Amino acid sequence: MARGQRKTIEEKIEAKQELIDALMTRVASEKRELEELYQAKRQKELEAVSELISDTGLEPEEVAEALRQYVESRAEAVS
């Protein structure tokens, strides 16, 4: 049974390079999409924190100070 014409080594190299290039393009695209998802997640988290601050009636500086005090006391408790 006759097979098709065999590929030359140059054709095989070219085909592999094209495959690698296509995969690299795909990886870059997936990385961009992942970064967009991280940004969307961060935005959602910031919106939740902003809403909480708004609901409490505190100023952002007051919330930051309360968090600093909490972190310090927690660090001391762990030590």
C-alpha atoms as a PDB file:
ATOM      1  CA  MET A   1       0.000   0.000   0.000  1.00  0.00           C
ATOM      2  CA  ALA A   2       1.500   3.301  -1.046  1.00  0.00           C
ATOM      3  CA  ARG A   3       1.996   6.010   1.509  1.00  0.00           C
ATOM      4  CA  GLY A   4       2.117   9.667   0.664  1.00  0.00           C
ATOM      5  CA  GLN A   5       5.346  11.388  -0.092  1.00  0.00           C
ATOM      6  CA  ARG A   6       7.583  11.550   2.986  1.00  0.00           C
ATOM      7  CA  LYS A   7       8.288  14.939   4.497  1.00  0.00           C
ATOM      8  CA  THR A   8      11.786  16.234   4.348  1.00  0.00           C
ATOM      9  CA  ILE A   9      13.567  17.123   7.566  1.00  0.00           C
ATOM     10  CA  GLU A  10      13.206  20.800   6.636  1.00  0.00           C
ATOM     11  CA  GLU A  11       9.433  20.388   6.308  1.00  0.00           C
ATOM     12  CA  LYS A  12       9.278  18.625   9.661  1.00  0.00           C
ATOM     13  CA  ILE A  13      11.295  21.420  11.278  1.00  0.00           C
ATOM     14  CA  GLU A  14       9.042  24.052   9.726  1.00  0.00           C
ATOM     15  CA  ALA A  15       5.908  22.227  10.881  1.00  0.00           C
ATOM     16  CA  LYS A  16       7.245  21.972  14.451  1.00  0.00           C
ATOM     17  CA  GLN A  17       8.197  25.637  14.471  1.00  0.00           C
ATOM     18  CA  GLU A  18       4.702  26.584  13.277  1.00  0.00           C
ATOM     19  CA  LEU A  19       3.185  24.431  16.000  1.00  0.00           C
ATOM     20  CA  ILE A  20       5.412  26.030  18.654  1.00  0.00           C
ATOM     21  CA  ASP A  21       4.568  29.521  17.372  1.00  0.00           C
ATOM     22  CA  ALA A  22       0.849  28.734  17.513  1.00  0.00           C
ATOM     23  CA  LEU A  23       1.179  27.366  21.041  1.00  0.00           C
ATOM     24  CA  MET A  24       3.153  30.418  22.175  1.00  0.00           C
ATOM     25  CA  THR A  25       0.421  32.660  20.778  1.00  0.00           C
ATOM     26  CA  ARG A  26      -2.164  30.619  22.653  1.00  0.00           C
ATOM     27  CA  VAL A  27      -0.155  30.809  25.903  1.00  0.00           C
ATOM     28  CA  ALA A  28       0.141  34.592  25.565  1.00  0.00           C
ATOM     29  CA  SER A  29      -3.598  34.856  24.975  1.00  0.00           C
ATOM     30  CA  GLU A  30      -4.378  32.664  27.987  1.00  0.00           C
ATOM     31  CA  LYS A  31      -2.030  34.739  30.172  1.00  0.00           C
ATOM     32  CA  ARG A  32      -3.834  37.927  29.116  1.00  0.00           C
ATOM     33  CA  GLU A  33      -7.175  36.342  29.943  1.00  0.00           C
ATOM     34  CA  LEU A  34      -5.877  35.165  33.332  1.00  0.00           C
ATOM     35  CA  GLU A  35      -4.635  38.673  34.123  1.00  0.00           C
ATOM     36  CA  GLU A  36      -8.050  40.084  33.212  1.00  0.00           C
ATOM     37  CA  LEU A  37      -9.682  37.590  35.579  1.00  0.00           C
ATOM     38  CA  TYR A  38      -7.306  38.588  38.398  1.00  0.00           C
ATOM     39  CA  GLN A  39      -8.134  42.246  37.772  1.00  0.00           C
ATOM     40  CA  ALA A  40     -11.864  41.532  37.792  1.00  0.00           C
ATOM     41  CA  LYS A  41     -11.504  39.607  41.058  1.00  0.00           C
ATOM     42  CA  ARG A  42      -9.532  42.438  42.630  1.00  0.00           C
ATOM     43  CA  GLN A  43     -12.113  44.977  41.476  1.00  0.00           C
ATOM     44  CA  LYS A  44     -14.926  42.897  42.976  1.00  0.00           C
ATOM     45  CA  GLU A  45     -13.038  42.612  46.284  1.00  0.00           C
ATOM     46  CA  LEU A  46     -12.368  46.357  46.354  1.00  0.00           C
ATOM     47  CA  GLU A  47     -16.026  47.081  45.649  1.00  0.00           C
ATOM     48  CA  ALA A  48     -17.045  44.821  48.552  1.00  0.00           C
ATOM     49  CA  VAL A  49     -14.630  46.601  50.901  1.00  0.00           C
ATOM     50  CA  SER A  50     -15.799  49.996  49.666  1.00  0.00           C
ATOM     51  CA  GLU A  51     -19.418  49.005  50.262  1.00  0.00           C
ATOM     52  CA  LEU A  52     -18.580  47.819  53.780  1.00  0.00           C
ATOM     53  CA  ILE A  53     -16.811  51.088  54.546  1.00  0.00           C
ATOM     54  CA  SER A  54     -19.783  53.025  53.205  1.00  0.00           C
ATOM     55  CA  ASP A  55     -22.239  50.941  55.236  1.00  0.00           C
ATOM     56  CA  THR A  56     -20.355  51.554  58.485  1.00  0.00           C
ATOM     57  CA  GLY A  57     -20.178  55.305  57.985  1.00  0.00           C
ATOM     58  CA  LEU A  58     -16.483  55.296  58.797  1.00  0.00           C
ATOM     59  CA  GLU A  59     -13.875  57.185  56.847  1.00  0.00           C
ATOM     60  CA  PRO A  60     -11.353  55.094  54.901  1.00  0.00           C
ATOM     61  CA  GLU A  61      -8.576  56.406  57.164  1.00  0.00           C
ATOM     62  CA  GLU A  62     -10.443  55.150  60.233  1.00  0.00           C
ATOM     63  CA  VAL A  63     -10.845  51.731  58.681  1.00  0.00           C
ATOM     64  CA  ALA A  64      -7.153  51.629  57.735  1.00  0.00           C
ATOM     65  CA  GLU A  65      -6.147  52.529  61.293  1.00  0.00           C
ATOM     66  CA  ALA A  66      -8.462  49.888  62.757  1.00  0.00           C
ATOM     67  CA  LEU A  67      -6.958  47.288  60.435  1.00  0.00           C
ATOM     68  CA  ARG A  68      -3.409  48.337  61.371  1.00  0.00           C
ATOM     69  CA  GLN A  69      -4.237  47.961  65.057  1.00  0.00           C
ATOM     70  CA  TYR A  70      -5.841  44.580  64.428  1.00  0.00           C
ATOM     71  CA  VAL A  71      -2.823  43.313  62.464  1.00  0.00           C
ATOM     72  CA  GLU A  72      -0.429  44.529  65.166  1.00  0.00           C
ATOM     73  CA  SER A  73      -2.402  42.911  67.986  1.00  0.00           C
ATOM     74  CA  ARG A  74      -2.717  39.691  66.013  1.00  0.00           C
ATOM     75  CA  ALA A  75       1.028  39.642  65.333  1.00  0.00           C
ATOM     76  CA  GLU A  76       1.733  40.131  69.028  1.00  0.00           C
ATOM     77  CA  ALA A  77      -0.649  37.295  69.945  1.00  0.00           C
ATOM     78  CA  VAL A  78       1.086  34.954  67.525  1.00  0.00           C
ATOM     79  CA  SER A  79       4.576  35.841  68.765  1.00  0.00           C
END
